[in-house]
Amino acid sequence: MPYCETELSGTTSTEGLVLSINYENWIAKSPDYIEELVLDRAAVSAQRIQELCASVPLPRYVGIVRLTSSLIGTIDLLFRPLRVP
């Protein structure tokens, strides 16, 4: 379960193209974040999860910024929080 969560939605129009991007952010324990990826089969393949775990040493907690759009799909940006309250 996320420590804190914010969700925003924005719309941009360029030459008739409308792009809507949803934004969420939260802090979670790394194992909980990986578990969420595993349980949501539609989000990430098992091979990608294995690559992430093998190549990125995750700290105890991670900050996650999730961008979602019909044009780009879902992108998770991971950050190492400096301080966890």
PDB file of N, CA and C in Angstrom:
ATOM      1  N   MET A   1       0.842  -1.177   0.000  1.00  0.00           N
ATOM      2  CA  MET A   1       0.000   0.000   0.000  1.00  0.00           C
ATOM      3  C   MET A   1       0.888   1.242   0.000  1.00  0.00           C
ATOM      4  N   PRO A   2       0.562   2.195  -0.847  1.00  0.00           N
ATOM      5  CA  PRO A   2       1.382   3.401  -0.937  1.00  0.00           C
ATOM      6  C   PRO A   2       1.368   4.224   0.340  1.00  0.00           C
ATOM      7  N   TYR A   3       2.485   4.866   0.625  1.00  0.00           N
ATOM      8  CA  TYR A   3       2.572   5.765   1.767  1.00  0.00           C
ATOM      9  C   TYR A   3       1.735   7.010   1.508  1.00  0.00           C
ATOM     10  N   CYS A   4       1.919   7.611   0.347  1.00  0.00           N
ATOM     11  CA  CYS A   4       1.108   8.753  -0.040  1.00  0.00           C
ATOM     12  C   CYS A   4       0.899   8.693  -1.546  1.00  0.00           C
ATOM     13  N   GLU A   5      -0.177   9.231  -2.016  1.00  0.00           N
ATOM     14  CA  GLU A   5      -0.486   9.135  -3.429  1.00  0.00           C
ATOM     15  C   GLU A   5      -1.130  10.413  -3.908  1.00  0.00           C
ATOM     16  N   THR A   6      -0.753  10.831  -5.095  1.00  0.00           N
ATOM     17  CA  THR A   6      -1.322  12.001  -5.730  1.00  0.00           C
ATOM     18  C   THR A   6      -1.676  11.622  -7.152  1.00  0.00           C
ATOM     19  N   GLU A   7      -2.812  12.049  -7.612  1.00  0.00           N
ATOM     20  CA  GLU A   7      -3.180  11.760  -8.984  1.00  0.00           C
ATOM     21  C   GLU A   7      -3.660  13.037  -9.648  1.00  0.00           C
ATOM     22  N   LEU A   8      -3.075  13.332 -10.781  1.00  0.00           N
ATOM     23  CA  LEU A   8      -3.427  14.511 -11.557  1.00  0.00           C
ATOM     24  C   LEU A   8      -3.682  14.077 -12.991  1.00  0.00           C
ATOM     25  N   SER A   9      -4.402  14.865 -13.727  1.00  0.00           N
ATOM     26  CA  SER A   9      -4.617  14.584 -15.132  1.00  0.00           C
ATOM     27  C   SER A   9      -4.442  15.869 -15.904  1.00  0.00           C
ATOM     28  N   GLY A  10      -3.737  15.788 -17.018  1.00  0.00           N
ATOM     29  CA  GLY A  10      -3.517  16.973 -17.829  1.00  0.00           C
ATOM     30  C   GLY A  10      -3.833  16.693 -19.273  1.00  0.00           C
ATOM     31  N   THR A  11      -4.204  17.709 -20.012  1.00  0.00           N
ATOM     32  CA  THR A  11      -4.512  17.570 -21.426  1.00  0.00           C
ATOM     33  C   THR A  11      -3.748  18.621 -22.200  1.00  0.00           C
ATOM     34  N   THR A  12      -3.128  18.195 -23.277  1.00  0.00           N
ATOM     35  CA  THR A  12      -2.378  19.112 -24.130  1.00  0.00           C
ATOM     36  C   THR A  12      -2.883  18.965 -25.556  1.00  0.00           C
ATOM     37  N   SER A  13      -3.018  20.057 -26.252  1.00  0.00           N
ATOM     38  CA  SER A  13      -3.470  20.012 -27.636  1.00  0.00           C
ATOM     39  C   SER A  13      -2.412  20.642 -28.528  1.00  0.00           C
ATOM     40  N   THR A  14      -1.963  19.883 -29.529  1.00  0.00           N
ATOM     41  CA  THR A  14      -0.997  20.370 -30.493  1.00  0.00           C
ATOM     42  C   THR A  14      -1.478  19.986 -31.885  1.00  0.00           C
ATOM     43  N   GLU A  15      -1.794  20.971 -32.692  1.00  0.00           N
ATOM     44  CA  GLU A  15      -2.258  20.735 -34.054  1.00  0.00           C
ATOM     45  C   GLU A  15      -3.405  19.732 -34.092  1.00  0.00           C
ATOM     46  N   GLY A  16      -4.359  19.897 -33.237  1.00  0.00           N
ATOM     47  CA  GLY A  16      -5.535  19.029 -33.224  1.00  0.00           C
ATOM     48  C   GLY A  16      -5.343  17.732 -32.472  1.00  0.00           C
ATOM     49  N   LEU A  17      -4.114  17.431 -32.037  1.00  0.00           N
ATOM     50  CA  LEU A  17      -3.839  16.209 -31.287  1.00  0.00           C
ATOM     51  C   LEU A  17      -4.060  16.484 -29.805  1.00  0.00           C
ATOM     52  N   VAL A  18      -4.899  15.689 -29.179  1.00  0.00           N
ATOM     53  CA  VAL A  18      -5.164  15.847 -27.756  1.00  0.00           C
ATOM     54  C   VAL A  18      -4.497  14.700 -27.014  1.00  0.00           C
ATOM     55  N   LEU A  19      -3.644  15.053 -26.075  1.00  0.00           N
ATOM     56  CA  LEU A  19      -2.907  14.067 -25.303  1.00  0.00           C
ATOM     57  C   LEU A  19      -3.265  14.224 -23.833  1.00  0.00           C
ATOM     58  N   SER A  20      -3.771  13.177 -23.241  1.00  0.00           N
ATOM     59  CA  SER A  20      -4.112  13.191 -21.822  1.00  0.00           C
ATOM     60  C   SER A  20      -3.105  12.315 -21.087  1.00  0.00           C
ATOM     61  N   ILE A  21      -2.485  12.868 -20.053  1.00  0.00           N
ATOM     62  CA  ILE A  21      -1.507  12.122 -19.261  1.00  0.00           C
ATOM     63  C   ILE A  21      -1.965  12.093 -17.811  1.00  0.00           C
ATOM     64  N   ASN A  22      -2.087  10.892 -17.258  1.00  0.00           N
ATOM     65  CA  ASN A  22      -2.397  10.738 -15.839  1.00  0.00           C
ATOM     66  C   ASN A  22      -1.090  10.574 -15.083  1.00  0.00           C
ATOM     67  N   TYR A  23      -1.027  11.157 -13.895  1.00  0.00           N
ATOM     68  CA  TYR A  23       0.186  11.196 -13.094  1.00  0.00           C
ATOM     69  C   TYR A  23      -0.141  10.728 -11.693  1.00  0.00           C
ATOM     70  N   GLU A  24       0.620   9.753 -11.197  1.00  0.00           N
ATOM     71  CA  GLU A  24       0.471   9.282  -9.819  1.00  0.00           C
ATOM     72  C   GLU A  24       1.860   9.230  -9.195  1.00  0.00           C
ATOM     73  N   ASN A  25       1.950   9.497  -7.911  1.00  0.00           N
ATOM     74  CA  ASN A  25       3.225   9.303  -7.228  1.00  0.00           C
ATOM     75  C   ASN A  25       2.987   8.771  -5.830  1.00  0.00           C
ATOM     76  N   TRP A  26       3.915   7.917  -5.384  1.00  0.00           N
ATOM     77  CA  TRP A  26       3.821   7.364  -4.036  1.00  0.00           C
ATOM     78  C   TRP A  26       5.169   6.789  -3.638  1.00  0.00           C
ATOM     79  N   ILE A  27       5.303   6.496  -2.365  1.00  0.00           N
ATOM     80  CA  ILE A  27       6.493   5.848  -1.820  1.00  0.00           C
ATOM     81  C   ILE A  27       6.066   4.473  -1.324  1.00  0.00           C
ATOM     82  N   ALA A  28       6.854   3.457  -1.683  1.00  0.00           N
ATOM     83  CA  ALA A  28       6.512   2.089  -1.285  1.00  0.00           C
ATOM     84  C   ALA A  28       7.792   1.337  -0.947  1.00  0.00           C
ATOM     85  N   LYS A  29       7.651   0.276  -0.185  1.00  0.00           N
ATOM     86  CA  LYS A  29       8.774  -0.624   0.031  1.00  0.00           C
ATOM     87  C   LYS A  29       9.072  -1.315  -1.301  1.00  0.00           C
ATOM     88  N   SER A  30      10.342  -1.482  -1.601  1.00  0.00           N
ATOM     89  CA  SER A  30      10.728  -2.082  -2.886  1.00  0.00           C
ATOM     90  C   SER A  30      10.081  -3.443  -3.135  1.00  0.00           C
ATOM     91  N   PRO A  31      10.074  -4.350  -2.143  1.00  0.00           N
ATOM     92  CA  PRO A  31       9.427  -5.643  -2.390  1.00  0.00           C
ATOM     93  C   PRO A  31       7.932  -5.505  -2.714  1.00  0.00           C
ATOM     94  N   ASP A  32       7.266  -4.530  -2.093  1.00  0.00           N
ATOM     95  CA  ASP A  32       5.841  -4.312  -2.380  1.00  0.00           C
ATOM     96  C   ASP A  32       5.636  -3.819  -3.807  1.00  0.00           C
ATOM     97  N   TYR A  33       6.540  -2.957  -4.272  1.00  0.00           N
ATOM     98  CA  TYR A  33       6.457  -2.458  -5.649  1.00  0.00           C
ATOM     99  C   TYR A  33       6.666  -3.606  -6.641  1.00  0.00           C
ATOM    100  N   ILE A  34       7.675  -4.451  -6.396  1.00  0.00           N
ATOM    101  CA  ILE A  34       7.935  -5.590  -7.281  1.00  0.00           C
ATOM    102  C   ILE A  34       6.747  -6.545  -7.261  1.00  0.00           C
ATOM    103  N   GLU A  35       6.168  -6.772  -6.092  1.00  0.00           N
ATOM    104  CA  GLU A  35       4.992  -7.642  -5.987  1.00  0.00           C
ATOM    105  C   GLU A  35       3.838  -7.090  -6.813  1.00  0.00           C
ATOM    106  N   GLU A  36       3.643  -5.779  -6.773  1.00  0.00           N
ATOM    107  CA  GLU A  36       2.581  -5.159  -7.577  1.00  0.00           C
ATOM    108  C   GLU A  36       2.815  -5.417  -9.067  1.00  0.00           C
ATOM    109  N   LEU A  37       4.066  -5.308  -9.511  1.00  0.00           N
ATOM    110  CA  LEU A  37       4.381  -5.572 -10.910  1.00  0.00           C
ATOM    111  C   LEU A  37       4.082  -7.022 -11.286  1.00  0.00           C
ATOM    112  N   VAL A  38       4.439  -7.938 -10.397  1.00  0.00           N
ATOM    113  CA  VAL A  38       4.214  -9.364 -10.657  1.00  0.00           C
ATOM    114  C   VAL A  38       2.720  -9.670 -10.738  1.00  0.00           C
ATOM    115  N   LEU A  39       1.948  -9.094  -9.829  1.00  0.00           N
ATOM    116  CA  LEU A  39       0.512  -9.394  -9.788  1.00  0.00           C
ATOM    117  C   LEU A  39      -0.259  -8.757 -10.944  1.00  0.00           C
ATOM    118  N   ASP A  40       0.240  -7.652 -11.478  1.00  0.00           N
ATOM    119  CA  ASP A  40      -0.420  -6.986 -12.600  1.00  0.00           C
ATOM    120  C   ASP A  40       0.218  -7.475 -13.898  1.00  0.00           C
ATOM    121  N   ARG A  41      -0.186  -8.642 -14.342  1.00  0.00           N
ATOM    122  CA  ARG A  41       0.421  -9.304 -15.506  1.00  0.00           C
ATOM    123  C   ARG A  41       0.365  -8.447 -16.775  1.00  0.00           C
ATOM    124  N   ALA A  42      -0.656  -7.603 -16.913  1.00  0.00           N
ATOM    125  CA  ALA A  42      -0.801  -6.789 -18.119  1.00  0.00           C
ATOM    126  C   ALA A  42       0.236  -5.673 -18.174  1.00  0.00           C
ATOM    127  N   ALA A  43       0.783  -5.297 -17.026  1.00  0.00           N
ATOM    128  CA  ALA A  43       1.682  -4.141 -16.972  1.00  0.00           C
ATOM    129  C   ALA A  43       3.092  -4.467 -17.477  1.00  0.00           C
ATOM    130  N   VAL A  44       3.689  -5.533 -16.969  1.00  0.00           N
ATOM    131  CA  VAL A  44       5.097  -5.822 -17.262  1.00  0.00           C
ATOM    132  C   VAL A  44       5.284  -7.331 -17.405  1.00  0.00           C
ATOM    133  N   SER A  45       6.121  -7.725 -18.348  1.00  0.00           N
ATOM    134  CA  SER A  45       6.400  -9.152 -18.531  1.00  0.00           C
ATOM    135  C   SER A  45       7.316  -9.654 -17.412  1.00  0.00           C
ATOM    136  N   ALA A  46       7.273 -10.943 -17.185  1.00  0.00           N
ATOM    137  CA  ALA A  46       8.117 -11.564 -16.153  1.00  0.00           C
ATOM    138  C   ALA A  46       9.592 -11.347 -16.468  1.00  0.00           C
ATOM    139  N   GLN A  47       9.951 -11.383 -17.755  1.00  0.00           N
ATOM    140  CA  GLN A  47      11.346 -11.174 -18.150  1.00  0.00           C
ATOM    141  C   GLN A  47      11.810  -9.772 -17.775  1.00  0.00           C
ATOM    142  N   ARG A  48      10.964  -8.757 -17.969  1.00  0.00           N
ATOM    143  CA  ARG A  48      11.327  -7.378 -17.617  1.00  0.00           C
ATOM    144  C   ARG A  48      11.518  -7.224 -16.117  1.00  0.00           C
ATOM    145  N   ILE A  49      10.672  -7.884 -15.335  1.00  0.00           N
ATOM    146  CA  ILE A  49      10.792  -7.816 -13.879  1.00  0.00           C
ATOM    147  C   ILE A  49      12.105  -8.457 -13.438  1.00  0.00           C
ATOM    148  N   GLN A  50      12.462  -9.597 -14.042  1.00  0.00           N
ATOM    149  CA  GLN A  50      13.729 -10.258 -13.723  1.00  0.00           C
ATOM    150  C   GLN A  50      14.912  -9.363 -14.089  1.00  0.00           C
ATOM    151  N   GLU A  51      14.834  -8.688 -15.244  1.00  0.00           N
ATOM    152  CA  GLU A  51      15.906  -7.777 -15.656  1.00  0.00           C
ATOM    153  C   GLU A  51      16.044  -6.622 -14.667  1.00  0.00           C
ATOM    154  N   LEU A  52      14.909  -6.079 -14.223  1.00  0.00           N
ATOM    155  CA  LEU A  52      14.938  -4.980 -13.256  1.00  0.00           C
ATOM    156  C   LEU A  52      15.613  -5.425 -11.964  1.00  0.00           C
ATOM    157  N   CYS A  53      15.196  -6.560 -11.439  1.00  0.00           N
ATOM    158  CA  CYS A  53      15.742  -7.050 -10.164  1.00  0.00           C
ATOM    159  C   CYS A  53      17.225  -7.413 -10.273  1.00  0.00           C
ATOM    160  N   ALA A  54      17.646  -7.903 -11.435  1.00  0.00           N
ATOM    161  CA  ALA A  54      19.039  -8.315 -11.611  1.00  0.00           C
ATOM    162  C   ALA A  54      19.976  -7.130 -11.867  1.00  0.00           C
ATOM    163  N   SER A  55      19.456  -6.061 -12.460  1.00  0.00           N
ATOM    164  CA  SER A  55      20.349  -4.980 -12.878  1.00  0.00           C
ATOM    165  C   SER A  55      20.268  -3.717 -12.026  1.00  0.00           C
ATOM    166  N   VAL A  56      19.209  -3.567 -11.238  1.00  0.00           N
ATOM    167  CA  VAL A  56      19.037  -2.346 -10.446  1.00  0.00           C
ATOM    168  C   VAL A  56      18.964  -2.712  -8.964  1.00  0.00           C
ATOM    169  N   PRO A  57      19.965  -2.310  -8.183  1.00  0.00           N
ATOM    170  CA  PRO A  57      19.889  -2.561  -6.743  1.00  0.00           C
ATOM    171  C   PRO A  57      18.895  -1.576  -6.109  1.00  0.00           C
ATOM    172  N   LEU A  58      17.747  -2.066  -5.757  1.00  0.00           N
ATOM    173  CA  LEU A  58      16.706  -1.200  -5.205  1.00  0.00           C
ATOM    174  C   LEU A  58      16.936  -0.962  -3.716  1.00  0.00           C
ATOM    175  N   PRO A  59      16.733   0.270  -3.271  1.00  0.00           N
ATOM    176  CA  PRO A  59      16.832   0.558  -1.837  1.00  0.00           C
ATOM    177  C   PRO A  59      15.611  -0.009  -1.110  1.00  0.00           C
ATOM    178  N   ARG A  60      15.590   0.135   0.191  1.00  0.00           N
ATOM    179  CA  ARG A  60      14.466  -0.382   0.978  1.00  0.00           C
ATOM    180  C   ARG A  60      13.140   0.231   0.541  1.00  0.00           C
ATOM    181  N   TYR A  61      13.149   1.533   0.293  1.00  0.00           N
ATOM    182  CA  TYR A  61      11.960   2.237  -0.189  1.00  0.00           C
ATOM    183  C   TYR A  61      12.266   2.853  -1.545  1.00  0.00           C
ATOM    184  N   VAL A  62      11.245   2.935  -2.405  1.00  0.00           N
ATOM    185  CA  VAL A  62      11.382   3.621  -3.688  1.00  0.00           C
ATOM    186  C   VAL A  62      10.256   4.634  -3.827  1.00  0.00           C
ATOM    187  N   GLY A  63      10.589   5.755  -4.449  1.00  0.00           N
ATOM    188  CA  GLY A  63       9.581   6.716  -4.849  1.00  0.00           C
ATOM    189  C   GLY A  63       9.189   6.382  -6.272  1.00  0.00           C
ATOM    190  N   ILE A  64       7.909   6.313  -6.547  1.00  0.00           N
ATOM    191  CA  ILE A  64       7.426   5.940  -7.874  1.00  0.00           C
ATOM    192  C   ILE A  64       6.605   7.088  -8.439  1.00  0.00           C
ATOM    193  N   VAL A  65       6.914   7.467  -9.665  1.00  0.00           N
ATOM    194  CA  VAL A  65       6.089   8.404 -10.417  1.00  0.00           C
ATOM    195  C   VAL A  65       5.594   7.623 -11.623  1.00  0.00           C
ATOM    196  N   ARG A  66       4.294   7.432 -11.725  1.00  0.00           N
ATOM    197  CA  ARG A  66       3.708   6.653 -12.820  1.00  0.00           C
ATOM    198  C   ARG A  66       2.981   7.594 -13.772  1.00  0.00           C
ATOM    199  N   LEU A  67       3.410   7.580 -15.023  1.00  0.00           N
ATOM    200  CA  LEU A  67       2.778   8.359 -16.080  1.00  0.00           C
ATOM    201  C   LEU A  67       2.002   7.389 -16.959  1.00  0.00           C
ATOM    202  N   THR A  68       0.735   7.699 -17.220  1.00  0.00           N
ATOM    203  CA  THR A  68      -0.097   6.830 -18.034  1.00  0.00           C
ATOM    204  C   THR A  68      -0.797   7.651 -19.102  1.00  0.00           C
ATOM    205  N   SER A  69      -0.743   7.152 -20.325  1.00  0.00           N
ATOM    206  CA  SER A  69      -1.384   7.814 -21.454  1.00  0.00           C
ATOM    207  C   SER A  69      -1.740   6.764 -22.494  1.00  0.00           C
ATOM    208  N   SER A  70      -2.797   7.015 -23.250  1.00  0.00           N
ATOM    209  CA  SER A  70      -3.159   6.073 -24.301  1.00  0.00           C
ATOM    210  C   SER A  70      -2.113   6.063 -25.409  1.00  0.00           C
ATOM    211  N   LEU A  71      -1.373   7.150 -25.555  1.00  0.00           N
ATOM    212  CA  LEU A  71      -0.355   7.247 -26.600  1.00  0.00           C
ATOM    213  C   LEU A  71       0.944   6.545 -26.210  1.00  0.00           C
ATOM    214  N   ILE A  72       1.381   6.676 -24.953  1.00  0.00           N
ATOM    215  CA  ILE A  72       2.666   6.116 -24.526  1.00  0.00           C
ATOM    216  C   ILE A  72       2.537   4.884 -23.645  1.00  0.00           C
ATOM    217  N   GLY A  73       1.345   4.559 -23.194  1.00  0.00           N
ATOM    218  CA  GLY A  73       1.172   3.450 -22.262  1.00  0.00           C
ATOM    219  C   GLY A  73       1.505   3.900 -20.851  1.00  0.00           C
ATOM    220  N   THR A  74       2.166   3.043 -20.089  1.00  0.00           N
ATOM    221  CA  THR A  74       2.518   3.360 -18.706  1.00  0.00           C
ATOM    222  C   THR A  74       4.037   3.376 -18.547  1.00  0.00           C
ATOM    223  N   ILE A  75       4.531   4.420 -17.902  1.00  0.00           N
ATOM    224  CA  ILE A  75       5.956   4.539 -17.602  1.00  0.00           C
ATOM    225  C   ILE A  75       6.092   4.786 -16.113  1.00  0.00           C
ATOM    226  N   ASP A  76       6.898   3.961 -15.442  1.00  0.00           N
ATOM    227  CA  ASP A  76       7.206   4.162 -14.024  1.00  0.00           C
ATOM    228  C   ASP A  76       8.616   4.725 -13.904  1.00  0.00           C
ATOM    229  N   LEU A  77       8.738   5.847 -13.218  1.00  0.00           N
ATOM    230  CA  LEU A  77      10.040   6.433 -12.907  1.00  0.00           C
ATOM    231  C   LEU A  77      10.315   6.123 -11.436  1.00  0.00           C
ATOM    232  N   LEU A  78      11.465   5.523 -11.150  1.00  0.00           N
ATOM    233  CA  LEU A  78      11.803   5.141  -9.780  1.00  0.00           C
ATOM    234  C   LEU A  78      12.863   6.079  -9.227  1.00  0.00           C
ATOM    235  N   PHE A  79      12.667   6.478  -7.974  1.00  0.00           N
ATOM    236  CA  PHE A  79      13.587   7.370  -7.287  1.00  0.00           C
ATOM    237  C   PHE A  79      13.934   6.797  -5.930  1.00  0.00           C
ATOM    238  N   ARG A  80      15.104   7.112  -5.470  1.00  0.00           N
ATOM    239  CA  ARG A  80      15.495   6.748  -4.105  1.00  0.00           C
ATOM    240  C   ARG A  80      15.155   7.928  -3.212  1.00  0.00           C
ATOM    241  N   PRO A  81      14.178   7.773  -2.325  1.00  0.00           N
ATOM    242  CA  PRO A  81      13.834   8.888  -1.438  1.00  0.00           C
ATOM    243  C   PRO A  81      14.989   9.188  -0.486  1.00  0.00           C
ATOM    244  N   LEU A  82      15.223  10.452  -0.237  1.00  0.00           N
ATOM    245  CA  LEU A  82      16.277  10.859   0.696  1.00  0.00           C
ATOM    246  C   LEU A  82      15.879  10.566   2.130  1.00  0.00           C
ATOM    247  N   ARG A  83      14.590  10.722   2.405  1.00  0.00           N
ATOM    248  CA  ARG A  83      14.076  10.533   3.754  1.00  0.00           C
ATOM    249  C   ARG A  83      12.672   9.968   3.657  1.00  0.00           C
ATOM    250  N   VAL A  84      12.371   8.997   4.466  1.00  0.00           N
ATOM    251  CA  VAL A  84      11.027   8.425   4.512  1.00  0.00           C
ATOM    252  C   VAL A  84      10.456   8.769   5.881  1.00  0.00           C
ATOM    253  N   PRO A  85       9.328   9.508   5.900  1.00  0.00           N
ATOM    254  CA  PRO A  85       8.757   9.902   7.200  1.00  0.00           C
ATOM    255  C   PRO A  85       8.236   8.716   7.984  1.00  0.00           C
TER     256      PRO A  85
END
